[in-house]
């Protein structure tokens, strides 16, 4: 689900004696794996790394999120504080009701500093997730990958001591049941 932002300028119209708000631009943004791969190709570092983005990196990511081609610097410079808050809220929105418990310093069990778009694409290939899902909201795609990780975990092997204890309980229950 893309985000649409209308960027307007406010000015006083002397002829009409009122404020006017002509739409200056409309941008449509998508926080997706595809957007991240574009950003990483430009900046040569993981988008999901633990360090904060510089203003240049953040505005560059907004440009990478654009669905309607490149956004010019004037339009980027016209974004209001409210526009930027809307963009950040959109990026942080989970876009799903599903939750998976995970350490906040990792993504899909991998430390954030090592998570790149290629790693996420490899998960998609391994789990046979269609390439069209690269346009899903990133948080929703990450939850899908995390759910698949959980479903594909091998069951924890029990120690020999646990097996002996469990079999002893089963034997005792059978003795009581069959009066042995």
Foldseek 3Di string as FASTA:
>chain_A
DKDKDFQWDWDQDPVVRGIDTDGPDIWIFFQFLQLQQVLCVVVVFAPQAPDDDDPVSVLSSRQSRTPPHGDDPVRSVRQDPVNVVVVVCLLPDLPDPDDDDDDPQAQLPHGSRPDHSVVLVVLCVVVVPDPVRRRPRHNPSSRVSNVVSVVPDDDDDDDPVVVVVVVVVVVVVVCVVVVD
